Amino acid sequence: MATTSYIDLNPEDEDLFYTALTPQDRFTFPRVTKKIQINSVKRIKGLTQRSLLPQIAELWNAFSEPEKTAWSNAGAETGLNGYRLFVQDQCIRIKNELAGVATPNLLHQSWVGYLEIQSPATELKIAQYHPRSYWVSKKVYGIKGMYIPINITEDVSLPMVLELNYKSNLTSQGAGSFAKIYAEVRSTLQGQDRNTNLEINLDLITDWKNASNSLTIIPGNYIGYTLYFHLYNMRGTIYVDNIKLTHSSQNWVRDPYCRDLNQLFTRAFYQIPKHWASVEQPEGSDYGSAYPE
């Protein structure tokens, strides 16, 4: 196989080149591979037999208009239309061998995040870091499955609003116990660093509910902030979804819909920070994303 650093094509050869070949792995092992131009009858049959879309479409078509509207309203919470949210949700159910269909909910959709503490652990603390400048992974629109790392600058314009939906089943293990989400906002004033907390205390036992709080003043000049979930002297599980930290008319939380709380970026995306990094995670504590049945 020939190795090349670049290819200089004649304009008349470009269509033929891109018809037969396709680029692969743009970062660590760039190469081109043969493009499958025509699917055989056997291949098409195999693809359609593996696809879940026909049976999901049949379920969708059997819904009444109020049921479709309920899915559309729930999908609007995550930027999806009702059908796309239903396809996403039903695929999860089928792959996990769950019977029936879900009931659409405005407070949580398909994947949700969870934080769990079991014996011998009594504490769990995770963090999402927001310095003034950092890298994120961004979808390349128009190209399926392609993402690029980009550097962003997050300047804060108050007010800052913290909001989430959650469900909890926690038990206090003694004095000083708490469950909360908070943003620790760092600033500098007269040569000294200051921390201002924007905090929401979470109920120990509750069905799905919404909670929010806002911050309108910070002392001095803004530096950055860190968003934390912190459970202390607790046992049990809390589920979260639709997390928002809004300022400058934008939600800056990474993975706000909790599709993979524990996602780690590697290879060419190594400079992108983990969605949620563990600060205190003793044996018996865990966090991630799950489908709530």
Protein backbone atom coordinates (compact mmCIF):
# COMPACT_ATOMS: atom_id res chain seq x y z
CA MET A 1 0.00 0.00 0.00
CA ALA A 2 1.41 3.37 -1.00
CA THR A 3 1.88 6.06 1.67
CA THR A 4 1.33 9.68 0.69
CA SER A 5 1.34 12.97 2.55
CA TYR A 6 -1.17 14.57 0.19
CA ILE A 7 -2.74 14.06 -3.23
CA ASP A 8 -3.01 16.77 -5.85
CA LEU A 9 -5.94 15.86 -8.10
CA ASN A 10 -6.77 17.21 -11.47
CA PRO A 11 -10.25 18.82 -11.42
CA GLU A 12 -11.55 16.31 -13.95
CA ASP A 13 -10.48 13.41 -11.68
CA GLU A 14 -12.11 14.63 -8.47
CA ASP A 15 -15.57 13.18 -9.09
CA LEU A 16 -14.12 9.77 -9.95
CA PHE A 17 -11.81 9.83 -6.90
CA TYR A 18 -14.52 10.70 -4.36
CA THR A 19 -16.96 8.26 -5.94
CA ALA A 20 -14.60 5.33 -5.37
CA LEU A 21 -12.82 6.35 -2.12
CA THR A 22 -13.70 7.90 1.23
CA PRO A 23 -11.45 9.43 3.94
CA GLN A 24 -11.13 7.69 7.32
CA ASP A 25 -9.72 8.83 10.71
CA ARG A 26 -8.80 12.47 10.17
CA PHE A 27 -6.45 12.69 13.16
CA THR A 28 -4.21 9.85 14.37
CA PHE A 29 -4.21 7.49 11.35
CA PRO A 30 -5.45 9.41 8.31
CA ARG A 31 -6.15 7.24 5.27
CA VAL A 32 -8.61 6.59 2.48
CA THR A 33 -10.63 3.43 2.02
CA LYS A 34 -12.81 1.94 -0.69
CA LYS A 35 -16.35 3.26 -0.73
CA ILE A 36 -19.19 0.76 -1.06
CA GLN A 37 -20.98 2.13 -4.09
CA ILE A 38 -23.87 -0.25 -4.65
CA ASN A 39 -25.59 -2.37 -2.05
CA SER A 40 -26.48 -5.82 -3.26
CA VAL A 41 -29.98 -7.21 -2.81
CA LYS A 42 -28.60 -9.51 -0.11
CA ARG A 43 -26.94 -6.60 1.72
CA ILE A 44 -30.07 -4.42 1.53
CA LYS A 45 -32.16 -7.28 2.89
CA GLY A 46 -29.75 -7.73 5.78
CA LEU A 47 -29.78 -4.03 6.61
CA THR A 48 -33.57 -3.78 6.63
CA GLN A 49 -33.89 -6.92 8.74
CA ARG A 50 -31.59 -5.43 11.38
CA SER A 51 -33.26 -2.02 11.37
CA LEU A 52 -35.63 -1.20 14.20
CA LEU A 53 -37.29 1.64 12.30
CA PRO A 54 -40.11 -0.37 10.61
CA GLN A 55 -41.50 -1.71 13.89
CA ILE A 56 -41.01 1.64 15.65
CA ALA A 57 -42.80 3.48 12.82
CA GLU A 58 -45.68 1.02 13.13
CA LEU A 59 -45.99 1.81 16.85
CA TRP A 60 -45.87 5.55 16.13
CA ASN A 61 -48.57 5.34 13.47
CA ALA A 62 -50.87 3.63 15.95
CA PHE A 63 -50.68 6.58 18.37
CA SER A 64 -53.58 9.00 18.67
CA GLU A 65 -53.01 12.70 18.00
CA PRO A 66 -52.94 13.56 21.74
CA GLU A 67 -50.27 10.88 22.27
CA LYS A 68 -48.15 12.26 19.41
CA THR A 69 -48.58 15.77 20.83
CA ALA A 70 -47.36 14.55 24.23
CA TRP A 71 -44.22 13.14 22.60
CA SER A 72 -43.72 16.41 20.69
CA ASN A 73 -43.96 18.43 23.90
CA ALA A 74 -41.43 16.16 25.62
CA GLY A 75 -39.13 16.27 22.59
CA ALA A 76 -39.13 20.07 22.66
CA GLU A 77 -37.32 19.86 26.02
CA THR A 78 -34.31 18.26 24.30
CA GLY A 79 -34.47 19.96 20.90
CA LEU A 80 -36.03 16.95 19.14
CA ASN A 81 -39.37 16.52 17.42
CA GLY A 82 -41.76 13.98 18.89
CA TYR A 83 -41.03 11.19 16.41
CA ARG A 84 -37.25 11.42 16.83
CA LEU A 85 -37.55 11.33 20.62
CA PHE A 86 -39.85 8.29 20.37
CA VAL A 87 -37.40 6.50 18.04
CA GLN A 88 -34.53 7.24 20.44
CA ASP A 89 -36.50 6.06 23.46
CA GLN A 90 -38.00 2.95 21.83
CA CYS A 91 -34.62 1.81 20.47
CA ILE A 92 -33.30 1.83 24.03
CA ARG A 93 -36.30 -0.18 25.23
CA ILE A 94 -36.00 -2.78 22.45
CA LYS A 95 -32.24 -3.23 22.91
CA ASN A 96 -32.73 -3.68 26.68
CA GLU A 97 -35.67 -6.08 26.14
CA LEU A 98 -38.20 -3.80 27.85
CA ALA A 99 -41.81 -4.45 26.90
CA GLY A 100 -44.26 -1.82 25.71
CA VAL A 101 -43.65 1.87 25.13
CA ALA A 102 -42.73 4.66 27.53
CA THR A 103 -45.00 7.47 28.67
CA PRO A 104 -43.55 10.83 27.51
CA ASN A 105 -42.53 13.11 30.37
CA LEU A 106 -41.61 16.81 30.37
CA LEU A 107 -39.13 16.32 33.24
CA HIS A 108 -36.98 13.51 31.82
CA GLN A 109 -36.43 11.94 28.38
CA SER A 110 -34.73 8.62 27.49
CA TRP A 111 -31.27 8.65 29.18
CA VAL A 112 -30.92 10.31 32.59
CA GLY A 113 -27.97 10.76 34.90
CA TYR A 114 -27.68 8.96 38.23
CA LEU A 115 -25.57 9.34 41.37
CA GLU A 116 -25.57 6.38 43.75
CA ILE A 117 -24.11 5.77 47.20
CA GLN A 118 -24.08 2.34 48.82
CA SER A 119 -22.17 0.88 51.76
CA PRO A 120 -19.36 1.44 52.68
CA ALA A 121 -19.38 4.86 50.92
CA THR A 122 -21.06 7.88 52.49
CA GLU A 123 -19.98 10.57 50.01
CA LEU A 124 -19.90 11.27 46.27
CA LYS A 125 -18.70 14.47 44.63
CA ILE A 126 -18.33 15.07 40.88
CA ALA A 127 -17.37 18.22 38.98
CA GLN A 128 -17.72 19.84 35.58
CA TYR A 129 -14.99 22.43 35.03
CA HIS A 130 -15.64 25.73 33.27
CA PRO A 131 -12.49 27.86 33.04
CA ARG A 132 -12.73 30.94 30.89
CA SER A 133 -11.31 29.03 27.88
CA TYR A 134 -11.60 25.29 27.19
CA TRP A 135 -12.18 22.70 24.45
CA VAL A 136 -15.45 20.99 23.52
CA SER A 137 -16.56 18.41 20.95
CA LYS A 138 -18.89 19.85 18.31
CA LYS A 139 -20.99 18.02 15.73
CA VAL A 140 -20.16 18.71 12.09
CA TYR A 141 -23.56 19.43 10.60
CA GLY A 142 -24.36 17.62 7.38
CA ILE A 143 -21.83 14.80 7.96
CA LYS A 144 -23.10 11.76 9.86
CA GLY A 145 -21.12 10.82 12.95
CA MET A 146 -18.42 13.48 12.52
CA TYR A 147 -17.26 15.72 15.37
CA ILE A 148 -14.46 18.27 15.69
CA PRO A 149 -12.68 19.71 18.76
CA ILE A 150 -13.10 23.46 19.07
CA ASN A 151 -11.84 25.95 21.64
CA ILE A 152 -14.43 28.26 23.19
CA THR A 153 -14.22 31.27 25.47
CA GLU A 154 -16.95 31.44 28.12
CA ASP A 155 -17.44 35.00 29.28
CA VAL A 156 -20.12 35.44 31.93
CA SER A 157 -22.87 38.01 31.75
CA LEU A 158 -25.10 37.91 34.85
CA PRO A 159 -27.63 36.80 35.91
CA MET A 160 -26.51 33.18 36.13
CA VAL A 161 -29.36 30.65 36.47
CA LEU A 162 -28.87 27.07 37.67
CA GLU A 163 -31.70 24.61 36.96
CA LEU A 164 -32.31 20.86 36.78
CA ASN A 165 -34.97 18.16 36.97
CA TYR A 166 -34.40 15.38 39.49
CA LYS A 167 -35.85 12.41 41.38
CA SER A 168 -34.32 11.21 44.63
CA ASN A 169 -34.48 8.35 47.11
CA LEU A 170 -31.83 9.18 49.71
CA THR A 171 -31.42 8.44 53.39
CA SER A 172 -29.43 10.59 55.78
CA GLN A 173 -26.68 8.77 57.69
CA GLY A 174 -26.38 11.33 60.47
CA ALA A 175 -25.60 14.93 61.31
CA GLY A 176 -24.23 17.21 58.60
CA SER A 177 -25.69 15.22 55.69
CA PHE A 178 -26.70 17.02 52.47
CA ALA A 179 -27.40 16.58 48.77
CA LYS A 180 -26.87 19.54 46.46
CA ILE A 181 -25.80 20.86 43.11
CA TYR A 182 -23.90 24.13 43.07
CA ALA A 183 -21.70 26.35 40.92
CA GLU A 184 -18.61 27.71 42.64
CA VAL A 185 -17.94 31.00 40.81
CA ARG A 186 -14.39 32.36 41.12
CA SER A 187 -13.56 36.07 40.89
CA THR A 188 -10.81 38.41 41.97
CA LEU A 189 -11.16 41.60 43.99
CA GLN A 190 -8.33 43.82 45.23
CA GLY A 191 -5.77 41.10 44.57
CA GLN A 192 -7.68 38.38 46.41
CA ASP A 193 -9.57 35.42 44.94
CA ARG A 194 -13.22 35.16 45.97
CA ASN A 195 -15.67 32.24 45.69
CA THR A 196 -19.43 32.80 45.34
CA ASN A 197 -21.74 29.78 45.39
CA LEU A 198 -24.94 29.39 43.36
CA GLU A 199 -26.57 26.46 45.15
CA ILE A 200 -29.65 24.22 45.05
CA ASN A 201 -30.31 21.91 48.01
CA LEU A 202 -31.93 18.70 46.78
CA ASP A 203 -34.79 16.95 48.58
CA LEU A 204 -33.92 13.54 49.98
CA ILE A 205 -37.08 11.82 48.76
CA THR A 206 -39.14 13.16 45.86
CA ASP A 207 -40.64 12.15 42.54
CA TRP A 208 -39.46 14.01 39.44
CA LYS A 209 -39.49 17.77 40.02
CA ASN A 210 -37.83 20.95 38.77
CA ALA A 211 -35.58 23.16 40.89
CA SER A 212 -33.74 26.39 40.11
CA ASN A 213 -31.81 29.26 41.66
CA SER A 214 -30.07 32.38 40.31
CA LEU A 215 -27.04 34.57 41.00
CA THR A 216 -27.07 38.28 40.16
CA ILE A 217 -23.87 39.66 41.74
CA ILE A 218 -20.26 38.48 42.01
CA PRO A 219 -17.50 40.56 43.65
CA GLY A 220 -14.73 41.85 41.42
CA ASN A 221 -13.66 40.40 38.07
CA TYR A 222 -14.85 37.01 36.85
CA ILE A 223 -12.28 34.16 36.49
CA GLY A 224 -14.27 30.94 35.96
CA TYR A 225 -16.55 28.48 37.71
CA THR A 226 -16.96 24.80 38.51
CA LEU A 227 -20.27 22.96 38.67
CA TYR A 228 -20.56 20.28 41.38
CA PHE A 229 -22.90 17.51 42.46
CA HIS A 230 -22.15 16.68 46.09
CA LEU A 231 -23.83 14.03 48.25
CA TYR A 232 -22.47 13.76 51.79
CA ASN A 233 -23.30 11.31 54.59
CA MET A 234 -26.04 9.83 52.41
CA ARG A 235 -27.17 6.47 51.08
CA GLY A 236 -29.38 5.90 48.04
CA THR A 237 -29.78 7.15 44.48
CA ILE A 238 -30.66 10.40 42.78
CA TYR A 239 -31.59 10.76 39.10
CA VAL A 240 -31.06 14.01 37.17
CA ASP A 241 -31.90 15.36 33.72
CA ASN A 242 -32.07 18.60 31.72
CA ILE A 243 -29.31 20.33 33.68
CA LYS A 244 -28.89 24.02 32.84
CA LEU A 245 -26.38 26.67 33.83
CA THR A 246 -27.59 29.65 31.84
CA HIS A 247 -25.89 33.00 31.40
CA SER A 248 -25.38 35.28 28.42
CA SER A 249 -28.66 33.80 27.03
CA GLN A 250 -27.10 30.32 26.63
CA ASN A 251 -26.96 27.01 28.52
CA TRP A 252 -23.28 26.16 29.05
CA VAL A 253 -23.63 22.71 30.69
CA ARG A 254 -21.90 19.97 28.72
CA ASP A 255 -24.16 16.95 28.16
CA PRO A 256 -27.24 18.73 29.59
CA TYR A 257 -29.51 15.79 28.66
CA CYS A 258 -27.31 13.29 30.54
CA ARG A 259 -26.70 10.93 27.63
CA ASP A 260 -23.28 9.94 29.08
CA LEU A 261 -22.32 11.59 32.37
CA ASN A 262 -19.13 9.52 32.51
CA GLN A 263 -17.93 10.20 28.96
CA LEU A 264 -14.17 10.43 28.55
CA PHE A 265 -12.53 11.88 25.43
CA THR A 266 -9.39 10.27 24.00
CA ARG A 267 -7.08 10.29 20.98
CA ALA A 268 -7.36 13.51 18.99
CA PHE A 269 -10.01 14.78 21.46
CA TYR A 270 -7.73 14.30 24.49
CA GLN A 271 -7.76 18.04 25.31
CA ILE A 272 -11.54 18.00 25.90
CA PRO A 273 -12.34 17.67 29.62
CA LYS A 274 -14.48 14.80 30.84
CA HIS A 275 -18.16 15.73 31.12
CA TRP A 276 -18.16 15.02 34.86
CA ALA A 277 -14.95 14.17 36.70
CA SER A 278 -14.94 12.45 40.10
CA VAL A 279 -13.61 14.53 43.00
CA GLU A 280 -14.67 12.19 45.83
CA GLN A 281 -15.70 8.68 44.71
CA PRO A 282 -14.95 6.07 47.39
CA GLU A 283 -15.79 2.38 47.02
CA GLY A 284 -19.56 1.91 46.94
CA SER A 285 -20.31 5.16 45.10
CA ASP A 286 -20.98 5.45 41.38
CA TYR A 287 -22.35 7.81 38.72
CA GLY A 288 -23.24 7.63 35.03
CA SER A 289 -26.25 7.50 32.72
CA ALA A 290 -29.11 5.01 32.70
CA TYR A 291 -32.57 4.45 31.27
CA PRO A 292 -35.24 4.87 33.99
CA GLU A 293 -37.80 2.10 33.67
